[in-house]
Every structure is written in structure tokens, then in C-alpha cells.
Amino acid sequence: TVSILHRVTGGGLATVGAVLFIWWLAALAGGEASYAVFLDVFTYTSGKLNIIGWIMGVGLTLAFFQHMASGIRHLFLDQGAIFELKTNRVTSLLTFVSSVVLTAGFWALLLLEK
């Protein structure tokens, strides 16, 4: 499950990240009106995130931290460690727990900064 999710989050981050980055660059190059359209998709006029902004922001952050945590786990697996069943299960659960905790902490820091 963790290995499959690692592939899915990696592919998702690459695809969605590339599309958003290219769209952002095109909006910047297109001028003030096209950049305003880009911002309107993700934010209210006050600058706060709308529902799409929240879903994309939190979703991409969670995918990033999940991909990072499972990537670290895979580094240990590649070295021949944590193949014992109990340790393997614990580390796979830790990837999910750590990604949720890191995502919550990241967004808490962003929101508390304002």
C-alpha cells in the first residue's frame, strides 16, 4: 500500500505541480487580467483561500509529505533494513501519521503567522 501510494503521490505531484506551474507562468506572461483569473480560481478577493485553494493547497501538501515520508522509508528498505514484519508495518503506518502531522503543522504555521 505504501509503495503504491508513493508512486501515486509522486505522479500526482509531478502532473498537478507541472500543470499549475505552467498555468501560473502563462498567467504571469499574459498580463494583469490573466493573472487575476488565475488568482480568482484559488482565492477570494480578500486574498484568502477559497474551497478550491484549500483543497489544492492541503492536498498537495499532504501528497508532498506522504511522498517524502515513504521515500525515506524506501531508503531504509533499499539498504536491507526493516524487512521484519512488525517493523515494516510500524514504519508503513508512521508514513501516514507523519504526513498528516506534518501537513497539519505546516498549515498551522502558515495560519498562525498572519
C-alpha atoms as a PDB file:
ATOM      1  CA  THR A   1       0.000   0.000   0.000  1.00  0.00           C
ATOM      2  CA  VAL A   2       2.739   2.465   0.937  1.00  0.00           C
ATOM      3  CA  SER A   3       4.725   1.650  -2.203  1.00  0.00           C
ATOM      4  CA  ILE A   4       1.709   2.135  -4.456  1.00  0.00           C
ATOM      5  CA  LEU A   5       0.787   5.375  -2.687  1.00  0.00           C
ATOM      6  CA  HIS A   6       4.397   6.534  -3.114  1.00  0.00           C
ATOM      7  CA  ARG A   7       4.073   6.104  -6.869  1.00  0.00           C
ATOM      8  CA  VAL A   8       0.650   7.759  -6.971  1.00  0.00           C
ATOM      9  CA  THR A   9       1.733  10.781  -4.928  1.00  0.00           C
ATOM     10  CA  GLY A  10       4.893  11.160  -6.996  1.00  0.00           C
ATOM     11  CA  GLY A  11       2.975  11.042 -10.262  1.00  0.00           C
ATOM     12  CA  GLY A  12       0.273  13.325  -8.906  1.00  0.00           C
ATOM     13  CA  LEU A  13       2.742  15.869  -7.596  1.00  0.00           C
ATOM     14  CA  ALA A  14       4.619  15.885 -10.888  1.00  0.00           C
ATOM     15  CA  THR A  15       1.496  16.165 -13.032  1.00  0.00           C
ATOM     16  CA  VAL A  16      -0.535  18.615 -10.948  1.00  0.00           C
ATOM     17  CA  GLY A  17       2.542  20.596  -9.982  1.00  0.00           C
ATOM     18  CA  ALA A  18       3.665  20.943 -13.596  1.00  0.00           C
ATOM     19  CA  VAL A  19       0.191  21.959 -14.797  1.00  0.00           C
ATOM     20  CA  LEU A  20      -0.183  24.555 -12.032  1.00  0.00           C
ATOM     21  CA  PHE A  21       3.331  25.901 -12.592  1.00  0.00           C
ATOM     22  CA  ILE A  22       2.838  26.242 -16.364  1.00  0.00           C
ATOM     23  CA  TRP A  23      -0.576  27.848 -15.824  1.00  0.00           C
ATOM     24  CA  TRP A  24       0.947  30.276 -13.308  1.00  0.00           C
ATOM     25  CA  LEU A  25       3.779  31.186 -15.715  1.00  0.00           C
ATOM     26  CA  ALA A  26       1.332  31.657 -18.580  1.00  0.00           C
ATOM     27  CA  ALA A  27      -0.874  33.827 -16.358  1.00  0.00           C
ATOM     28  CA  LEU A  28       2.121  35.962 -15.421  1.00  0.00           C
ATOM     29  CA  ALA A  29       3.171  36.312 -19.035  1.00  0.00           C
ATOM     30  CA  GLY A  30      -0.400  37.064 -20.111  1.00  0.00           C
ATOM     31  CA  GLY A  31      -0.646  40.187 -18.043  1.00  0.00           C
ATOM     32  CA  GLU A  32      -2.650  41.509 -15.151  1.00  0.00           C
ATOM     33  CA  ALA A  33      -6.047  40.251 -16.345  1.00  0.00           C
ATOM     34  CA  SER A  34      -4.943  36.645 -16.894  1.00  0.00           C
ATOM     35  CA  TYR A  35      -3.094  36.593 -13.581  1.00  0.00           C
ATOM     36  CA  ALA A  36      -6.243  37.866 -11.871  1.00  0.00           C
ATOM     37  CA  VAL A  37      -8.172  34.931 -13.374  1.00  0.00           C
ATOM     38  CA  PHE A  38      -5.547  32.528 -12.018  1.00  0.00           C
ATOM     39  CA  LEU A  39      -5.833  34.060  -8.551  1.00  0.00           C
ATOM     40  CA  ASP A  40      -9.639  34.084  -8.686  1.00  0.00           C
ATOM     41  CA  VAL A  41      -9.690  30.307  -9.126  1.00  0.00           C
ATOM     42  CA  PHE A  42      -7.909  29.756  -5.796  1.00  0.00           C
ATOM     43  CA  THR A  43      -8.659  32.832  -3.671  1.00  0.00           C
ATOM     44  CA  TYR A  44     -11.345  35.298  -2.685  1.00  0.00           C
ATOM     45  CA  THR A  45     -10.881  38.987  -3.462  1.00  0.00           C
ATOM     46  CA  SER A  46      -9.617  39.400   0.117  1.00  0.00           C
ATOM     47  CA  GLY A  47      -6.680  37.123  -0.726  1.00  0.00           C
ATOM     48  CA  LYS A  48      -7.840  34.244   1.486  1.00  0.00           C
ATOM     49  CA  LEU A  49      -8.086  30.773   0.019  1.00  0.00           C
ATOM     50  CA  ASN A  50     -11.440  29.629  -1.305  1.00  0.00           C
ATOM     51  CA  ILE A  51     -12.546  25.979  -1.230  1.00  0.00           C
ATOM     52  CA  ILE A  52     -10.573  25.108  -4.368  1.00  0.00           C
ATOM     53  CA  GLY A  53      -7.493  26.794  -2.931  1.00  0.00           C
ATOM     54  CA  TRP A  54      -7.845  24.866   0.321  1.00  0.00           C
ATOM     55  CA  ILE A  55      -8.366  21.526  -1.411  1.00  0.00           C
ATOM     56  CA  MET A  56      -5.414  22.063  -3.762  1.00  0.00           C
ATOM     57  CA  GLY A  57      -3.146  23.517  -1.082  1.00  0.00           C
ATOM     58  CA  VAL A  58      -3.804  20.952   1.627  1.00  0.00           C
ATOM     59  CA  GLY A  59      -3.988  18.106  -0.900  1.00  0.00           C
ATOM     60  CA  LEU A  60      -0.651  18.940  -2.492  1.00  0.00           C
ATOM     61  CA  THR A  61       0.944  19.455   0.925  1.00  0.00           C
ATOM     62  CA  LEU A  62      -0.345  16.099   2.170  1.00  0.00           C
ATOM     63  CA  ALA A  63       0.822  14.384  -1.028  1.00  0.00           C
ATOM     64  CA  PHE A  64       4.252  16.005  -0.664  1.00  0.00           C
ATOM     65  CA  PHE A  65       4.739  14.923   2.943  1.00  0.00           C
ATOM     66  CA  GLN A  66       3.388  11.418   2.231  1.00  0.00           C
ATOM     67  CA  HIS A  67       5.749  11.059  -0.734  1.00  0.00           C
ATOM     68  CA  MET A  68       8.663  12.327   1.350  1.00  0.00           C
ATOM     69  CA  ALA A  69       7.931  10.011   4.298  1.00  0.00           C
ATOM     70  CA  SER A  70       7.530   6.934   2.126  1.00  0.00           C
ATOM     71  CA  GLY A  71      10.658   7.906   0.188  1.00  0.00           C
ATOM     72  CA  ILE A  72      12.653   7.988   3.421  1.00  0.00           C
ATOM     73  CA  ARG A  73      11.171   4.599   4.343  1.00  0.00           C
ATOM     74  CA  HIS A  74      12.198   3.242   0.929  1.00  0.00           C
ATOM     75  CA  LEU A  75      15.779   4.407   1.520  1.00  0.00           C
ATOM     76  CA  PHE A  76      15.935   2.124   4.549  1.00  0.00           C
ATOM     77  CA  LEU A  77      14.274  -0.717   2.657  1.00  0.00           C
ATOM     78  CA  ASP A  78      16.827  -0.368  -0.137  1.00  0.00           C
ATOM     79  CA  GLN A  79      19.573  -0.849   2.453  1.00  0.00           C
ATOM     80  CA  GLY A  80      18.024  -4.157   3.519  1.00  0.00           C
ATOM     81  CA  ALA A  81      16.629  -2.836   6.792  1.00  0.00           C
ATOM     82  CA  ILE A  82      13.110  -3.005   8.277  1.00  0.00           C
ATOM     83  CA  PHE A  83      12.080  -6.174   6.473  1.00  0.00           C
ATOM     84  CA  GLU A  84      10.831  -7.737   9.708  1.00  0.00           C
ATOM     85  CA  LEU A  85       7.041  -7.864   9.527  1.00  0.00           C
ATOM     86  CA  LYS A  86       6.347  -5.896  12.713  1.00  0.00           C
ATOM     87  CA  THR A  87       8.887  -3.166  11.929  1.00  0.00           C
ATOM     88  CA  ASN A  88       7.674  -2.966   8.350  1.00  0.00           C
ATOM     89  CA  ARG A  89       4.081  -2.463   9.480  1.00  0.00           C
ATOM     90  CA  VAL A  90       5.046   0.158  12.045  1.00  0.00           C
ATOM     91  CA  THR A  91       7.096   2.171   9.561  1.00  0.00           C
ATOM     92  CA  SER A  92       4.343   1.995   6.956  1.00  0.00           C
ATOM     93  CA  LEU A  93       1.851   3.366   9.498  1.00  0.00           C
ATOM     94  CA  LEU A  94       4.365   6.021  10.517  1.00  0.00           C
ATOM     95  CA  THR A  95       4.449   7.342   6.949  1.00  0.00           C
ATOM     96  CA  PHE A  96       0.711   8.042   7.132  1.00  0.00           C
ATOM     97  CA  VAL A  97       0.817   9.501  10.636  1.00  0.00           C
ATOM     98  CA  SER A  98       3.840  11.675   9.921  1.00  0.00           C
ATOM     99  CA  SER A  99       2.374  13.030   6.676  1.00  0.00           C
ATOM    100  CA  VAL A 100      -0.859  14.054   8.435  1.00  0.00           C
ATOM    101  CA  VAL A 101       1.024  15.593  11.388  1.00  0.00           C
ATOM    102  CA  LEU A 102       3.484  17.449   9.134  1.00  0.00           C
ATOM    103  CA  THR A 103       0.661  18.736   6.922  1.00  0.00           C
ATOM    104  CA  ALA A 104      -1.313  19.955   9.937  1.00  0.00           C
ATOM    105  CA  GLY A 105       1.811  21.572  11.394  1.00  0.00           C
ATOM    106  CA  PHE A 106       2.708  23.249   8.110  1.00  0.00           C
ATOM    107  CA  TRP A 107      -0.748  24.768   7.685  1.00  0.00           C
ATOM    108  CA  ALA A 108      -0.920  25.723  11.364  1.00  0.00           C
ATOM    109  CA  LEU A 109       2.336  27.647  10.946  1.00  0.00           C
ATOM    110  CA  LEU A 110       1.017  29.380   7.845  1.00  0.00           C
ATOM    111  CA  LEU A 111      -2.241  30.360   9.526  1.00  0.00           C
ATOM    112  CA  LEU A 112      -0.676  31.417  12.826  1.00  0.00           C
ATOM    113  CA  GLU A 113       1.825  33.656  11.057  1.00  0.00           C
ATOM    114  CA  LYS A 114      -0.931  36.027   9.951  1.00  0.00           C
END
